[in-house]
Protein backbone atom coordinates (compact mmCIF):
# COMPACT_ATOMS: atom_id res chain seq x y z
CA MET A 1 -48.54 92.49 -198.01
CA SER A 2 -45.75 92.30 -199.67
CA GLY A 3 -41.77 94.16 -199.63
CA ASN A 4 -44.05 96.55 -201.86
CA THR A 5 -45.88 97.83 -198.51
CA LEU A 6 -44.57 101.16 -198.40
CA GLN A 7 -45.11 102.52 -201.73
CA LYS A 8 -48.79 100.73 -201.66
CA ALA A 9 -48.81 103.70 -198.64
CA ILE A 10 -47.36 106.02 -200.87
CA ASP A 11 -49.81 105.32 -203.11
CA LEU A 12 -52.30 106.01 -200.72
CA VAL A 13 -52.14 109.23 -199.91
CA THR A 14 -51.36 109.99 -203.66
CA LYS A 15 -54.89 109.49 -204.31
CA ALA A 16 -55.45 110.94 -201.01
CA THR A 17 -54.32 113.94 -201.71
CA GLU A 18 -56.46 113.77 -205.13
CA GLU A 19 -59.96 113.46 -203.68
CA ASP A 20 -58.71 116.10 -200.45
CA LYS A 21 -58.22 118.03 -203.01
CA ASN A 22 -61.90 118.07 -205.46
CA LYS A 23 -63.35 117.47 -202.11
CA ASN A 24 -63.97 114.15 -202.30
CA TYR A 25 -63.76 114.19 -198.09
CA ALA A 26 -65.63 110.32 -197.96
CA GLU A 27 -62.97 108.36 -199.78
CA ALA A 28 -59.53 110.94 -198.84
CA LEU A 29 -60.47 109.94 -194.82
CA LYS A 30 -60.24 106.07 -197.17
CA LEU A 31 -58.05 105.84 -198.72
CA TYR A 32 -55.32 108.59 -196.13
CA GLU A 33 -57.01 105.62 -193.64
CA HIS A 34 -55.51 102.80 -196.04
CA ALA A 35 -52.76 104.32 -196.02
CA VAL A 36 -51.96 104.45 -192.60
CA GLU A 37 -52.57 100.68 -191.79
CA TYR A 38 -50.05 99.95 -194.92
CA PHE A 39 -47.56 101.99 -193.36
CA LEU A 40 -48.41 100.57 -189.50
CA HIS A 41 -47.76 97.05 -191.45
CA ALA A 42 -44.62 98.44 -193.39
CA ILE A 43 -43.32 99.64 -189.32
CA LYS A 44 -44.07 96.18 -187.79
CA TYR A 45 -42.70 93.51 -191.12
CA GLU A 46 -40.61 95.18 -192.63
CA ALA A 47 -39.01 98.45 -191.75
CA GLN A 48 -35.06 97.31 -190.65
CA SER A 49 -33.88 99.74 -189.15
CA ASP A 50 -34.85 102.44 -186.15
CA LYS A 51 -34.48 105.36 -188.22
CA SER A 52 -36.55 104.01 -191.13
CA LYS A 53 -39.42 102.65 -188.41
CA GLU A 54 -39.09 106.78 -187.37
CA SER A 55 -39.36 107.99 -191.15
CA ILE A 56 -43.04 105.84 -191.47
CA ARG A 57 -44.08 107.15 -187.56
CA GLY A 58 -43.63 110.50 -188.97
CA LYS A 59 -45.33 110.54 -191.94
CA CYS A 60 -48.43 108.69 -190.09
CA VAL A 61 -48.86 111.73 -187.65
CA CYS A 62 -49.24 113.87 -190.88
CA ILE A 63 -51.99 111.34 -191.90
CA PHE A 64 -53.36 110.99 -189.32
CA LYS A 65 -53.28 115.04 -188.70
CA THR A 66 -54.41 115.46 -192.37
CA PHE A 67 -57.16 113.27 -191.63
CA CYS A 68 -58.70 114.35 -188.54
CA HIS A 69 -58.76 117.44 -190.23
CA VAL A 70 -60.39 116.66 -193.47
CA LYS A 71 -63.43 114.25 -190.83
CA TRP A 72 -63.68 118.01 -189.63
CA LEU A 73 -64.32 118.63 -193.29
CA CYS A 74 -66.81 116.56 -194.05
CA LYS A 75 -68.88 117.29 -190.49
CA ARG A 76 -68.88 120.52 -191.88
CA LYS A 77 -69.98 120.24 -194.64
CA PHE A 78 -73.31 117.23 -193.69
CA PHE A 79 -74.39 120.00 -190.90
CA ILE A 80 -74.27 122.89 -193.66
CA THR A 81 -75.78 120.54 -196.88
CA SER A 82 -78.07 119.45 -193.28
CA HIS A 83 -79.54 123.21 -192.11
CA THR A 84 -79.50 124.54 -195.66
CA GLY A 85 -80.52 122.22 -198.21
CA SER A 86 -77.15 122.89 -200.17
CA VAL A 87 -73.57 123.56 -199.59
CA LEU A 88 -72.64 127.21 -198.77
CA ARG A 89 -69.14 127.69 -200.38
CA THR A 90 -66.54 129.33 -197.31
CA SER A 91 -63.68 130.89 -198.27
């Protein structure tokens, strides 16, 4: 990974957010996971100051929380689909 690791992580989060909004939860999960990998790489090998490392860690925590929520949505969608034969829309 090059010095563009942080930008790549940001791009992945942007794509994941788009997939999440479009209810493509499985794809969003993959993208969030890859984004965190890039952020962790940036912390370990590229971030110079403690302040920047802490900022990136904070982003990872937010992304992880979103990842957990999307994972829950995937499980819920699978449960509803497998038990009713169709996806139910809930508000």
